[in-house]
Amino acid sequence: MQKSGGYNGFSLTECLLAVGTIAVGMLFIAGVFPVGIHFNTIASERTIAAVIADEAFAKIRLYAAGNPIDVNDDIAIDLLRTDQLTNYGLPIVGINPIEFSYPSDPNMDINRKQFYWSALCRLTEPRIDPNDPRRLVQVTVFVCRKIGSGTTYPGWAANWPVPVPVGILAVAAPDTLQIDQPAFINEGCTIVDNQTGQIYRVLERDASMPDMIVLDRPWQGKILPGLVWVVPPPVGGGRGPCIAVYQRVIRL
């Protein structure tokens, strides 16, 4: 026997509560799936990024060793300095752009690849003897993603994301910098000090003063005006391409 306004022995109020509970549950599940996909994507990209970084460090070692027969197959160690970072793509003559992409398959069109790396190098000690092959070099590798074959980026590569220098105008607080190109640095970006190679995370960019960025720790830079390196968003705007930044001191 049904209750008035109800169904199968349940009142109308009880039915509405059950439907409401199911609806809330479905909304919760629908909300959880995108979050789960997002975090799964991040985890996958970080795993791939670590593999790409290891390959990048290995390639830098190979190019630093050079080919005694081919003078173009060498990194120009003489261009590296102790007081500033040097873009790895520039002191190498004739390097094949395919070397900066992943997977590093020469038979695959580079424009179809999604992952790219680039590096900044800095000597960690003065070159007392120019002929001494033992040189400790701080190598900072940026691993990035590219979304869309037609996407372009600021910097020397244009067709894939690379770090570019951004000027520091002032240190407004121990952990706050004033920069000259706010469109290049957003919340969550990783920046690298041009003088020391130290890595910082940007926690916030002031909405009312977009040229002010807050770092995850006090700034340790020495000389102003200075520079930081960052991988900017695509030309025209979009998601930040940098997945992770890795750093090692290796002997080249």
Protein backbone atom coordinates (compact mmCIF):
# COMPACT_ATOMS: atom_id res chain seq x y z
CA MET A 1 0.00 0.00 0.00
CA GLN A 2 1.42 3.37 -1.07
CA LYS A 3 1.47 6.38 1.19
CA SER A 4 -0.24 9.45 -0.19
CA GLY A 5 2.07 11.27 -2.59
CA GLY A 6 4.74 8.61 -2.17
CA TYR A 7 6.00 5.49 -3.89
CA ASN A 8 6.41 1.86 -2.80
CA GLY A 9 5.88 2.61 0.84
CA PHE A 10 8.02 5.78 0.97
CA SER A 11 6.69 9.25 1.46
CA LEU A 12 7.21 12.01 -1.11
CA THR A 13 9.69 13.69 1.22
CA GLU A 14 11.74 10.52 1.53
CA CYS A 15 11.78 10.08 -2.25
CA LEU A 16 12.94 13.65 -2.77
CA LEU A 17 15.71 13.21 -0.19
CA ALA A 18 16.89 10.05 -1.92
CA VAL A 19 16.92 11.72 -5.32
CA GLY A 20 18.76 14.74 -3.85
CA THR A 21 21.36 12.47 -2.26
CA ILE A 22 21.95 10.67 -5.56
CA ALA A 23 22.22 14.00 -7.39
CA VAL A 24 24.79 15.32 -4.92
CA GLY A 25 26.75 12.08 -5.21
CA MET A 26 26.74 12.27 -9.01
CA LEU A 27 27.92 15.88 -8.91
CA PHE A 28 30.70 14.91 -6.51
CA ILE A 29 31.83 12.06 -8.76
CA ALA A 30 31.68 14.31 -11.83
CA GLY A 31 33.87 16.84 -10.02
CA VAL A 32 36.40 14.25 -8.89
CA PHE A 33 37.09 12.83 -12.37
CA PRO A 34 38.59 16.05 -13.86
CA VAL A 35 40.74 16.54 -10.76
CA GLY A 36 41.94 12.96 -10.96
CA ILE A 37 42.75 13.33 -14.66
CA HIS A 38 44.62 16.57 -13.93
CA PHE A 39 46.81 15.04 -11.22
CA ASN A 40 47.39 11.92 -13.29
CA THR A 41 48.59 14.13 -16.16
CA ILE A 42 50.94 16.00 -13.84
CA ALA A 43 52.38 12.75 -12.47
CA SER A 44 52.89 11.35 -15.98
CA GLU A 45 54.57 14.55 -17.19
CA ARG A 46 56.90 14.64 -14.19
CA THR A 47 57.93 11.03 -14.83
CA ILE A 48 58.63 11.76 -18.50
CA ALA A 49 60.42 15.00 -17.57
CA ALA A 50 62.91 13.14 -15.38
CA VAL A 51 63.77 10.83 -18.28
CA ILE A 52 64.12 13.78 -20.67
CA ALA A 53 66.41 15.60 -18.21
CA ASP A 54 68.69 12.57 -17.88
CA GLU A 55 68.93 12.41 -21.68
CA ALA A 56 69.65 16.15 -21.83
CA PHE A 57 72.52 15.91 -19.34
CA ALA A 58 73.96 12.97 -21.29
CA LYS A 59 73.78 14.90 -24.58
CA ILE A 60 75.45 17.92 -23.04
CA ARG A 61 78.32 15.71 -21.90
CA LEU A 62 78.66 14.31 -25.41
CA TYR A 63 78.70 17.71 -27.06
CA ALA A 64 81.12 19.03 -24.45
CA ALA A 65 83.52 16.21 -25.31
CA GLY A 66 83.35 17.23 -28.96
CA ASN A 67 84.33 15.43 -32.09
CA PRO A 68 88.04 15.91 -32.95
CA ILE A 69 87.21 15.51 -36.63
CA ASP A 70 84.20 17.86 -36.77
CA VAL A 71 84.85 21.28 -35.18
CA ASN A 72 81.11 22.03 -35.34
CA ASP A 73 80.39 19.21 -32.91
CA ASP A 74 81.51 20.93 -29.75
CA ILE A 75 80.31 23.24 -27.00
CA ALA A 76 82.22 26.51 -26.86
CA ILE A 77 83.52 26.28 -23.29
CA ASP A 78 85.26 29.63 -23.74
CA LEU A 79 81.85 31.34 -23.82
CA LEU A 80 80.93 30.07 -20.36
CA ARG A 81 81.49 32.35 -17.36
CA THR A 82 81.28 32.11 -13.59
CA ASP A 83 79.13 35.22 -13.13
CA GLN A 84 76.30 34.56 -15.57
CA LEU A 85 74.38 31.80 -17.31
CA THR A 86 74.88 30.98 -20.97
CA ASN A 87 72.20 29.49 -23.18
CA TYR A 88 73.34 26.00 -24.18
CA GLY A 89 71.77 26.30 -27.63
CA LEU A 90 73.93 29.28 -28.59
CA PRO A 91 77.56 28.28 -27.81
CA ILE A 92 77.20 25.20 -29.99
CA VAL A 93 77.79 25.58 -33.71
CA GLY A 94 75.57 23.61 -36.03
CA ILE A 95 73.67 21.56 -33.44
CA ASN A 96 70.70 19.74 -34.93
CA PRO A 97 67.43 21.08 -33.44
CA ILE A 98 66.18 17.50 -33.18
CA GLU A 99 68.55 17.08 -30.21
CA PHE A 100 66.31 19.35 -28.11
CA SER A 101 63.15 17.30 -28.67
CA TYR A 102 61.77 14.12 -27.16
CA PRO A 103 61.50 11.39 -28.28
CA SER A 104 64.85 12.06 -29.96
CA ASP A 105 63.95 10.11 -33.07
CA PRO A 106 65.48 11.77 -36.17
CA ASN A 107 62.85 10.09 -38.37
CA MET A 108 59.98 11.82 -36.53
CA ASP A 109 58.92 15.32 -37.56
CA ILE A 110 60.10 17.68 -34.83
CA ASN A 111 56.89 19.73 -35.13
CA ARG A 112 54.87 16.67 -34.11
CA LYS A 113 56.77 16.23 -30.86
CA GLN A 114 55.26 17.37 -27.58
CA PHE A 115 58.28 17.57 -25.26
CA TYR A 116 61.39 19.73 -25.52
CA TRP A 117 64.34 20.62 -23.33
CA SER A 118 66.81 23.48 -23.13
CA ALA A 119 69.69 24.26 -20.81
CA LEU A 120 71.67 27.09 -19.25
CA CYS A 121 75.32 26.60 -18.29
CA ARG A 122 77.64 28.40 -15.88
CA LEU A 123 81.21 27.72 -14.80
CA THR A 124 81.41 27.10 -11.07
CA GLU A 125 85.13 27.89 -10.83
CA PRO A 126 87.54 30.22 -12.65
CA ARG A 127 89.41 28.77 -15.63
CA ILE A 128 92.98 29.02 -14.34
CA ASP A 129 94.38 26.94 -17.17
CA PRO A 130 92.45 27.35 -20.46
CA ASN A 131 93.84 24.02 -21.67
CA ASP A 132 92.64 22.07 -18.63
CA PRO A 133 89.78 19.84 -19.84
CA ARG A 134 88.44 19.39 -16.30
CA ARG A 135 85.77 22.02 -15.88
CA LEU A 136 82.96 21.96 -13.33
CA VAL A 137 79.85 23.39 -14.97
CA GLN A 138 76.48 24.06 -13.39
CA VAL A 139 73.88 22.86 -15.88
CA THR A 140 70.22 23.84 -15.49
CA VAL A 141 67.79 21.92 -17.71
CA PHE A 142 64.25 23.12 -18.44
CA VAL A 143 61.80 20.44 -19.60
CA CYS A 144 58.72 21.80 -21.37
CA ARG A 145 55.62 20.68 -23.22
CA LYS A 146 54.27 22.11 -26.45
CA ILE A 147 50.53 22.00 -27.15
CA GLY A 148 49.51 22.43 -30.79
CA SER A 149 51.83 22.20 -33.79
CA GLY A 150 51.26 25.84 -34.73
CA THR A 151 52.03 27.28 -31.30
CA THR A 152 54.98 29.68 -31.14
CA TYR A 153 56.99 30.98 -28.20
CA PRO A 154 59.26 33.91 -27.33
CA GLY A 155 62.97 33.20 -27.51
CA TRP A 156 65.57 31.91 -29.93
CA ALA A 157 63.77 28.66 -30.80
CA ALA A 158 60.34 30.20 -31.62
CA ASN A 159 58.75 26.85 -32.50
CA TRP A 160 59.21 25.35 -29.04
CA PRO A 161 59.45 26.79 -25.50
CA VAL A 162 62.85 27.94 -24.21
CA PRO A 163 63.97 30.07 -21.24
CA VAL A 164 64.35 33.80 -21.91
CA PRO A 165 65.91 36.52 -19.71
CA VAL A 166 63.67 38.91 -17.78
CA GLY A 167 65.09 42.00 -16.13
CA ILE A 168 64.95 42.65 -12.38
CA LEU A 169 64.30 46.32 -11.67
CA ALA A 170 64.32 46.22 -7.87
CA VAL A 171 64.05 44.02 -4.79
CA ALA A 172 60.89 45.40 -3.20
CA ALA A 173 61.07 43.04 -0.19
CA PRO A 174 63.30 40.11 0.81
CA ASP A 175 61.07 37.75 -1.20
CA THR A 176 59.57 40.21 -3.72
CA LEU A 177 61.02 41.32 -7.06
CA GLN A 178 60.00 44.02 -9.50
CA ILE A 179 60.42 42.78 -13.07
CA ASP A 180 60.30 44.46 -16.47
CA GLN A 181 58.26 41.87 -18.42
CA PRO A 182 55.35 40.77 -16.20
CA ALA A 183 53.62 38.96 -19.08
CA PHE A 184 56.43 36.39 -19.08
CA ILE A 185 56.18 35.39 -15.39
CA ASN A 186 53.01 34.07 -13.76
CA GLU A 187 52.12 32.42 -10.49
CA GLY A 188 53.65 28.95 -10.33
CA CYS A 189 56.55 29.72 -12.67
CA THR A 190 60.08 28.59 -11.94
CA ILE A 191 62.78 31.24 -12.39
CA VAL A 192 66.57 30.94 -12.31
CA ASP A 193 68.95 33.72 -11.21
CA ASN A 194 71.31 34.67 -14.03
CA GLN A 195 74.24 35.34 -11.69
CA THR A 196 74.14 32.37 -9.35
CA GLY A 197 71.91 29.80 -11.05
CA GLN A 198 69.74 29.55 -7.94
CA ILE A 199 66.20 28.33 -8.57
CA TYR A 200 63.09 30.04 -7.21
CA ARG A 201 59.36 29.36 -7.39
CA VAL A 202 56.94 32.23 -7.98
CA LEU A 203 54.15 32.03 -5.40
CA GLU A 204 52.19 35.08 -6.47
CA ARG A 205 52.04 37.95 -8.94
CA ASP A 206 50.36 41.03 -7.49
CA ALA A 207 47.09 41.71 -9.34
CA SER A 208 47.22 45.43 -8.63
CA MET A 209 50.94 45.67 -9.48
CA PRO A 210 51.61 42.96 -12.09
CA ASP A 211 55.32 43.75 -12.24
CA MET A 212 55.72 42.51 -8.63
CA ILE A 213 56.31 38.79 -8.00
CA VAL A 214 56.54 36.99 -4.66
CA LEU A 215 59.06 34.15 -4.37
CA ASP A 216 59.08 31.02 -2.25
CA ARG A 217 62.16 32.23 -0.35
CA PRO A 218 64.24 35.39 0.08
CA TRP A 219 66.13 36.60 -2.98
CA GLN A 220 69.86 35.86 -2.85
CA GLY A 221 70.95 37.76 -5.96
CA LYS A 222 73.97 40.03 -5.67
CA ILE A 223 73.93 42.81 -8.25
CA LEU A 224 71.06 44.94 -9.56
CA PRO A 225 69.79 45.47 -12.12
CA GLY A 226 69.94 41.75 -12.76
CA LEU A 227 68.24 39.03 -14.78
CA VAL A 228 66.23 35.89 -14.19
CA TRP A 229 65.51 33.17 -16.73
CA VAL A 230 62.00 31.81 -17.21
CA VAL A 231 60.07 29.86 -19.85
CA PRO A 232 57.25 32.26 -20.86
CA PRO A 233 53.75 31.31 -22.03
CA PRO A 234 53.03 30.90 -25.76
CA VAL A 235 52.77 33.96 -27.96
CA GLY A 236 49.20 35.20 -27.56
CA GLY A 237 48.85 33.62 -24.11
CA GLY A 238 48.06 30.17 -22.80
CA ARG A 239 49.14 27.55 -20.30
CA GLY A 240 52.70 27.79 -18.98
CA PRO A 241 54.80 25.21 -20.85
CA CYS A 242 57.49 24.44 -18.24
CA ILE A 243 57.01 21.06 -16.54
CA ALA A 244 60.11 20.93 -14.34
CA VAL A 245 63.61 22.36 -13.90
CA TYR A 246 66.60 20.16 -13.05
CA GLN A 247 70.11 21.18 -12.07
CA ARG A 248 73.43 19.35 -11.79
CA VAL A 249 77.08 20.24 -11.50
CA ILE A 250 78.96 18.11 -14.03
CA ARG A 251 82.52 18.01 -15.28
CA LEU A 252 82.72 18.87 -18.98
